Amino acid sequence: MADVPPLDTDIPTHPEEMKANYAVRIGKSISIQASARITPAGIVTVGVTTLLVALAFAALAPRRRY
């Protein structure tokens, strides 16, 4: 049988994957934790999507003359 790594090991899905973890504690009972991960291709995709949404809003916005 092949060696299978345990499930708790953190194996990156992409060699250039970037990760961020953040934790905030307010008082004794409030705790907020967040984590994110993205690849360089994901950053490019977010940029292109943002550009296309901005262009769509610009095309829908009425033209104003001053």
PDB file of N, CA and C in Angstrom:
ATOM      1  N   MET A   1       0.826  -1.165   0.000  1.00  0.00           N
ATOM      2  CA  MET A   1       0.000   0.000   0.000  1.00  0.00           C
ATOM      3  C   MET A   1       0.882   1.244   0.000  1.00  0.00           C
ATOM      4  N   ALA A   2       0.482   2.286  -0.725  1.00  0.00           N
ATOM      5  CA  ALA A   2       1.270   3.508  -0.831  1.00  0.00           C
ATOM      6  C   ALA A   2       1.216   4.304   0.465  1.00  0.00           C
ATOM      7  N   ASP A   3       2.287   5.051   0.717  1.00  0.00           N
ATOM      8  CA  ASP A   3       2.315   5.909   1.899  1.00  0.00           C
ATOM      9  C   ASP A   3       1.391   7.106   1.675  1.00  0.00           C
ATOM     10  N   VAL A   4       0.429   7.258   2.558  1.00  0.00           N
ATOM     11  CA  VAL A   4      -0.529   8.363   2.474  1.00  0.00           C
ATOM     12  C   VAL A   4      -0.235   9.313   3.625  1.00  0.00           C
ATOM     13  N   PRO A   5      -0.020  10.619   3.303  1.00  0.00           N
ATOM     14  CA  PRO A   5       0.259  11.556   4.397  1.00  0.00           C
ATOM     15  C   PRO A   5      -0.977  11.755   5.266  1.00  0.00           C
ATOM     16  N   PRO A   6      -0.789  12.041   6.553  1.00  0.00           N
ATOM     17  CA  PRO A   6      -1.943  12.288   7.416  1.00  0.00           C
ATOM     18  C   PRO A   6      -2.727  13.514   6.946  1.00  0.00           C
ATOM     19  N   LEU A   7      -4.010  13.559   7.287  1.00  0.00           N
ATOM     20  CA  LEU A   7      -4.872  14.633   6.813  1.00  0.00           C
ATOM     21  C   LEU A   7      -4.516  15.991   7.400  1.00  0.00           C
ATOM     22  N   ASP A   8      -3.874  16.036   8.566  1.00  0.00           N
ATOM     23  CA  ASP A   8      -3.577  17.320   9.170  1.00  0.00           C
ATOM     24  C   ASP A   8      -2.337  17.992   8.597  1.00  0.00           C
ATOM     25  N   THR A   9      -1.633  17.348   7.669  1.00  0.00           N
ATOM     26  CA  THR A   9      -0.470  17.984   7.044  1.00  0.00           C
ATOM     27  C   THR A   9      -0.936  19.023   6.047  1.00  0.00           C
ATOM     28  N   ASP A  10      -0.247  20.133   6.011  1.00  0.00           N
ATOM     29  CA  ASP A  10      -0.619  21.229   5.130  1.00  0.00           C
ATOM     30  C   ASP A  10       0.164  21.112   3.823  1.00  0.00           C
ATOM     31  N   ILE A  11      -0.428  20.480   2.842  1.00  0.00           N
ATOM     32  CA  ILE A  11       0.211  20.302   1.544  1.00  0.00           C
ATOM     33  C   ILE A  11      -0.303  21.381   0.605  1.00  0.00           C
ATOM     34  N   PRO A  12       0.584  22.264   0.103  1.00  0.00           N
ATOM     35  CA  PRO A  12       0.108  23.322  -0.787  1.00  0.00           C
ATOM     36  C   PRO A  12      -0.420  22.747  -2.092  1.00  0.00           C
ATOM     37  N   THR A  13      -1.507  23.333  -2.591  1.00  0.00           N
ATOM     38  CA  THR A  13      -2.082  22.860  -3.843  1.00  0.00           C
ATOM     39  C   THR A  13      -1.384  23.481  -5.036  1.00  0.00           C
ATOM     40  N   HIS A  14      -0.620  24.526  -4.808  1.00  0.00           N
ATOM     41  CA  HIS A  14       0.099  25.222  -5.866  1.00  0.00           C
ATOM     42  C   HIS A  14       1.446  25.648  -5.295  1.00  0.00           C
ATOM     43  N   PRO A  15       2.532  25.485  -6.049  1.00  0.00           N
ATOM     44  CA  PRO A  15       3.848  25.800  -5.478  1.00  0.00           C
ATOM     45  C   PRO A  15       4.038  27.278  -5.130  1.00  0.00           C
ATOM     46  N   GLU A  16       3.290  28.180  -5.757  1.00  0.00           N
ATOM     47  CA  GLU A  16       3.448  29.614  -5.493  1.00  0.00           C
ATOM     48  C   GLU A  16       2.274  30.176  -4.699  1.00  0.00           C
ATOM     49  N   GLU A  17       1.585  29.320  -3.984  1.00  0.00           N
ATOM     50  CA  GLU A  17       0.424  29.732  -3.206  1.00  0.00           C
ATOM     51  C   GLU A  17       0.837  30.674  -2.076  1.00  0.00           C
ATOM     52  N   MET A  18       0.058  31.750  -1.881  1.00  0.00           N
ATOM     53  CA  MET A  18       0.306  32.704  -0.806  1.00  0.00           C
ATOM     54  C   MET A  18      -0.802  32.558   0.227  1.00  0.00           C
ATOM     55  N   LYS A  19      -0.410  32.613   1.502  1.00  0.00           N
ATOM     56  CA  LYS A  19      -1.383  32.435   2.583  1.00  0.00           C
ATOM     57  C   LYS A  19      -1.319  33.603   3.547  1.00  0.00           C
ATOM     58  N   ALA A  20      -2.457  33.876   4.170  1.00  0.00           N
ATOM     59  CA  ALA A  20      -2.525  34.893   5.222  1.00  0.00           C
ATOM     60  C   ALA A  20      -3.435  34.383   6.322  1.00  0.00           C
ATOM     61  N   ASN A  21      -3.027  34.588   7.550  1.00  0.00           N
ATOM     62  CA  ASN A  21      -3.827  34.229   8.721  1.00  0.00           C
ATOM     63  C   ASN A  21      -3.927  35.452   9.614  1.00  0.00           C
ATOM     64  N   TYR A  22      -5.090  35.635  10.227  1.00  0.00           N
ATOM     65  CA  TYR A  22      -5.331  36.807  11.059  1.00  0.00           C
ATOM     66  C   TYR A  22      -6.211  36.402  12.230  1.00  0.00           C
ATOM     67  N   ALA A  23      -5.857  36.864  13.403  1.00  0.00           N
ATOM     68  CA  ALA A  23      -6.658  36.556  14.592  1.00  0.00           C
ATOM     69  C   ALA A  23      -6.778  37.803  15.452  1.00  0.00           C
ATOM     70  N   VAL A  24      -8.003  38.085  15.907  1.00  0.00           N
ATOM     71  CA  VAL A  24      -8.272  39.235  16.771  1.00  0.00           C
ATOM     72  C   VAL A  24      -9.044  38.734  17.989  1.00  0.00           C
ATOM     73  N   ARG A  25      -8.661  39.212  19.133  1.00  0.00           N
ATOM     74  CA  ARG A  25      -9.372  38.862  20.361  1.00  0.00           C
ATOM     75  C   ARG A  25      -9.813  40.156  21.033  1.00  0.00           C
ATOM     76  N   ILE A  26     -11.113  40.251  21.318  1.00  0.00           N
ATOM     77  CA  ILE A  26     -11.679  41.417  21.979  1.00  0.00           C
ATOM     78  C   ILE A  26     -12.294  40.939  23.289  1.00  0.00           C
ATOM     79  N   GLY A  27     -11.708  41.357  24.372  1.00  0.00           N
ATOM     80  CA  GLY A  27     -12.218  40.939  25.678  1.00  0.00           C
ATOM     81  C   GLY A  27     -11.986  39.463  25.920  1.00  0.00           C
ATOM     82  N   LYS A  28     -12.857  38.892  26.775  1.00  0.00           N
ATOM     83  CA  LYS A  28     -12.696  37.487  27.143  1.00  0.00           C
ATOM     84  C   LYS A  28     -13.495  36.538  26.262  1.00  0.00           C
ATOM     85  N   SER A  29     -14.546  37.032  25.631  1.00  0.00           N
ATOM     86  CA  SER A  29     -15.449  36.109  24.952  1.00  0.00           C
ATOM     87  C   SER A  29     -15.532  36.281  23.441  1.00  0.00           C
ATOM     88  N   ILE A  30     -14.906  37.310  22.873  1.00  0.00           N
ATOM     89  CA  ILE A  30     -15.004  37.525  21.433  1.00  0.00           C
ATOM     90  C   ILE A  30     -13.656  37.228  20.791  1.00  0.00           C
ATOM     91  N   SER A  31     -13.661  36.325  19.848  1.00  0.00           N
ATOM     92  CA  SER A  31     -12.456  35.959  19.109  1.00  0.00           C
ATOM     93  C   SER A  31     -12.812  35.816  17.630  1.00  0.00           C
ATOM     94  N   ILE A  32     -12.067  36.493  16.789  1.00  0.00           N
ATOM     95  CA  ILE A  32     -12.304  36.442  15.347  1.00  0.00           C
ATOM     96  C   ILE A  32     -11.041  35.926  14.680  1.00  0.00           C
ATOM     97  N   GLN A  33     -11.209  34.924  13.829  1.00  0.00           N
ATOM     98  CA  GLN A  33     -10.083  34.378  13.084  1.00  0.00           C
ATOM     99  C   GLN A  33     -10.439  34.341  11.607  1.00  0.00           C
ATOM    100  N   ALA A  34      -9.455  34.638  10.769  1.00  0.00           N
ATOM    101  CA  ALA A  34      -9.667  34.599   9.327  1.00  0.00           C
ATOM    102  C   ALA A  34      -8.405  34.069   8.665  1.00  0.00           C
ATOM    103  N   SER A  35      -8.602  33.417   7.532  1.00  0.00           N
ATOM    104  CA  SER A  35      -7.461  32.963   6.746  1.00  0.00           C
ATOM    105  C   SER A  35      -7.830  33.046   5.272  1.00  0.00           C
ATOM    106  N   ALA A  36      -6.814  33.239   4.456  1.00  0.00           N
ATOM    107  CA  ALA A  36      -7.034  33.342   3.014  1.00  0.00           C
ATOM    108  C   ALA A  36      -5.832  32.751   2.296  1.00  0.00           C
ATOM    109  N   ARG A  37      -6.074  32.302   1.094  1.00  0.00           N
ATOM    110  CA  ARG A  37      -4.975  31.837   0.251  1.00  0.00           C
ATOM    111  C   ARG A  37      -5.307  32.157  -1.192  1.00  0.00           C
ATOM    112  N   ILE A  38      -4.280  32.444  -1.954  1.00  0.00           N
ATOM    113  CA  ILE A  38      -4.474  32.811  -3.354  1.00  0.00           C
ATOM    114  C   ILE A  38      -3.201  32.475  -4.129  1.00  0.00           C
ATOM    115  N   THR A  39      -3.349  32.244  -5.401  1.00  0.00           N
ATOM    116  CA  THR A  39      -2.221  31.992  -6.282  1.00  0.00           C
ATOM    117  C   THR A  39      -2.014  33.215  -7.173  1.00  0.00           C
ATOM    118  N   PRO A  40      -0.872  33.335  -7.822  1.00  0.00           N
ATOM    119  CA  PRO A  40      -0.672  34.456  -8.741  1.00  0.00           C
ATOM    120  C   PRO A  40      -1.728  34.512  -9.848  1.00  0.00           C
ATOM    121  N   ALA A  41      -2.175  33.379 -10.315  1.00  0.00           N
ATOM    122  CA  ALA A  41      -3.234  33.364 -11.333  1.00  0.00           C
ATOM    123  C   ALA A  41      -4.533  33.922 -10.764  1.00  0.00           C
ATOM    124  N   GLY A  42      -4.797  33.688  -9.494  1.00  0.00           N
ATOM    125  CA  GLY A  42      -5.978  34.233  -8.844  1.00  0.00           C
ATOM    126  C   GLY A  42      -5.912  35.743  -8.737  1.00  0.00           C
ATOM    127  N   ILE A  43      -4.732  36.290  -8.471  1.00  0.00           N
ATOM    128  CA  ILE A  43      -4.567  37.741  -8.402  1.00  0.00           C
ATOM    129  C   ILE A  43      -4.844  38.370  -9.762  1.00  0.00           C
ATOM    130  N   VAL A  44      -4.330  37.766 -10.825  1.00  0.00           N
ATOM    131  CA  VAL A  44      -4.578  38.270 -12.177  1.00  0.00           C
ATOM    132  C   VAL A  44      -6.066  38.189 -12.501  1.00  0.00           C
ATOM    133  N   THR A  45      -6.708  37.112 -12.129  1.00  0.00           N
ATOM    134  CA  THR A  45      -8.141  36.947 -12.381  1.00  0.00           C
ATOM    135  C   THR A  45      -8.966  38.002 -11.649  1.00  0.00           C
ATOM    136  N   VAL A  46      -8.622  38.298 -10.407  1.00  0.00           N
ATOM    137  CA  VAL A  46      -9.322  39.340  -9.660  1.00  0.00           C
ATOM    138  C   VAL A  46      -9.135  40.692 -10.338  1.00  0.00           C
ATOM    139  N   GLY A  47      -7.940  40.986 -10.820  1.00  0.00           N
ATOM    140  CA  GLY A  47      -7.680  42.245 -11.509  1.00  0.00           C
ATOM    141  C   GLY A  47      -8.485  42.382 -12.791  1.00  0.00           C
ATOM    142  N   VAL A  48      -8.524  41.335 -13.598  1.00  0.00           N
ATOM    143  CA  VAL A  48      -9.278  41.366 -14.851  1.00  0.00           C
ATOM    144  C   VAL A  48     -10.776  41.498 -14.571  1.00  0.00           C
ATOM    145  N   THR A  49     -11.274  40.780 -13.588  1.00  0.00           N
ATOM    146  CA  THR A  49     -12.688  40.864 -13.237  1.00  0.00           C
ATOM    147  C   THR A  49     -13.056  42.263 -12.767  1.00  0.00           C
ATOM    148  N   THR A  50     -12.211  42.859 -11.929  1.00  0.00           N
ATOM    149  CA  THR A  50     -12.457  44.218 -11.449  1.00  0.00           C
ATOM    150  C   THR A  50     -12.469  45.211 -12.604  1.00  0.00           C
ATOM    151  N   LEU A  51     -11.550  45.062 -13.535  1.00  0.00           N
ATOM    152  CA  LEU A  51     -11.504  45.938 -14.705  1.00  0.00           C
ATOM    153  C   LEU A  51     -12.775  45.805 -15.536  1.00  0.00           C
ATOM    154  N   LEU A  52     -13.221  44.593 -15.767  1.00  0.00           N
ATOM    155  CA  LEU A  52     -14.418  44.390 -16.578  1.00  0.00           C
ATOM    156  C   LEU A  52     -15.675  44.939 -15.897  1.00  0.00           C
ATOM    157  N   VAL A  53     -15.770  44.798 -14.584  1.00  0.00           N
ATOM    158  CA  VAL A  53     -16.912  45.356 -13.864  1.00  0.00           C
ATOM    159  C   VAL A  53     -16.880  46.882 -13.944  1.00  0.00           C
ATOM    160  N   ALA A  54     -15.705  47.477 -13.790  1.00  0.00           N
ATOM    161  CA  ALA A  54     -15.584  48.934 -13.882  1.00  0.00           C
ATOM    162  C   ALA A  54     -15.955  49.423 -15.281  1.00  0.00           C
ATOM    163  N   LEU A  55     -15.535  48.704 -16.308  1.00  0.00           N
ATOM    164  CA  LEU A  55     -15.900  49.084 -17.678  1.00  0.00           C
ATOM    165  C   LEU A  55     -17.405  48.951 -17.906  1.00  0.00           C
ATOM    166  N   ALA A  56     -18.033  47.947 -17.334  1.00  0.00           N
ATOM    167  CA  ALA A  56     -19.481  47.781 -17.475  1.00  0.00           C
ATOM    168  C   ALA A  56     -20.225  48.933 -16.810  1.00  0.00           C
ATOM    169  N   PHE A  57     -19.787  49.340 -15.613  1.00  0.00           N
ATOM    170  CA  PHE A  57     -20.421  50.482 -14.952  1.00  0.00           C
ATOM    171  C   PHE A  57     -20.201  51.769 -15.739  1.00  0.00           C
ATOM    172  N   ALA A  58     -19.015  51.924 -16.308  1.00  0.00           N
ATOM    173  CA  ALA A  58     -18.723  53.130 -17.090  1.00  0.00           C
ATOM    174  C   ALA A  58     -19.615  53.173 -18.335  1.00  0.00           C
ATOM    175  N   ALA A  59     -19.882  52.033 -18.936  1.00  0.00           N
ATOM    176  CA  ALA A  59     -20.733  52.000 -20.133  1.00  0.00           C
ATOM    177  C   ALA A  59     -22.185  52.262 -19.786  1.00  0.00           C
ATOM    178  N   LEU A  60     -22.609  51.881 -18.578  1.00  0.00           N
ATOM    179  CA  LEU A  60     -23.990  52.080 -18.176  1.00  0.00           C
ATOM    180  C   LEU A  60     -24.250  53.468 -17.590  1.00  0.00           C
ATOM    181  N   ALA A  61     -23.223  54.115 -17.118  1.00  0.00           N
ATOM    182  CA  ALA A  61     -23.384  55.430 -16.497  1.00  0.00           C
ATOM    183  C   ALA A  61     -23.753  56.460 -17.567  1.00  0.00           C
ATOM    184  N   PRO A  62     -24.658  57.354 -17.245  1.00  0.00           N
ATOM    185  CA  PRO A  62     -25.022  58.387 -18.235  1.00  0.00           C
ATOM    186  C   PRO A  62     -23.861  59.367 -18.461  1.00  0.00           C
ATOM    187  N   ARG A  63     -23.761  59.802 -19.688  1.00  0.00           N
ATOM    188  CA  ARG A  63     -22.708  60.781 -20.025  1.00  0.00           C
ATOM    189  C   ARG A  63     -23.159  62.155 -19.563  1.00  0.00           C
ATOM    190  N   ARG A  64     -22.280  62.875 -18.907  1.00  0.00           N
ATOM    191  CA  ARG A  64     -22.611  64.207 -18.430  1.00  0.00           C
ATOM    192  C   ARG A  64     -21.724  65.228 -19.133  1.00  0.00           C
ATOM    193  N   ARG A  65     -22.303  66.359 -19.470  1.00  0.00           N
ATOM    194  CA  ARG A  65     -21.531  67.463 -20.055  1.00  0.00           C
ATOM    195  C   ARG A  65     -21.507  68.603 -19.059  1.00  0.00           C
ATOM    196  N   TYR A  66     -20.339  69.176 -18.903  1.00  0.00           N
ATOM    197  CA  TYR A  66     -20.207  70.317 -17.990  1.00  0.00           C
ATOM    198  C   TYR A  66     -19.906  71.577 -18.750  1.00  0.00           C
TER     199      TYR A  66
END
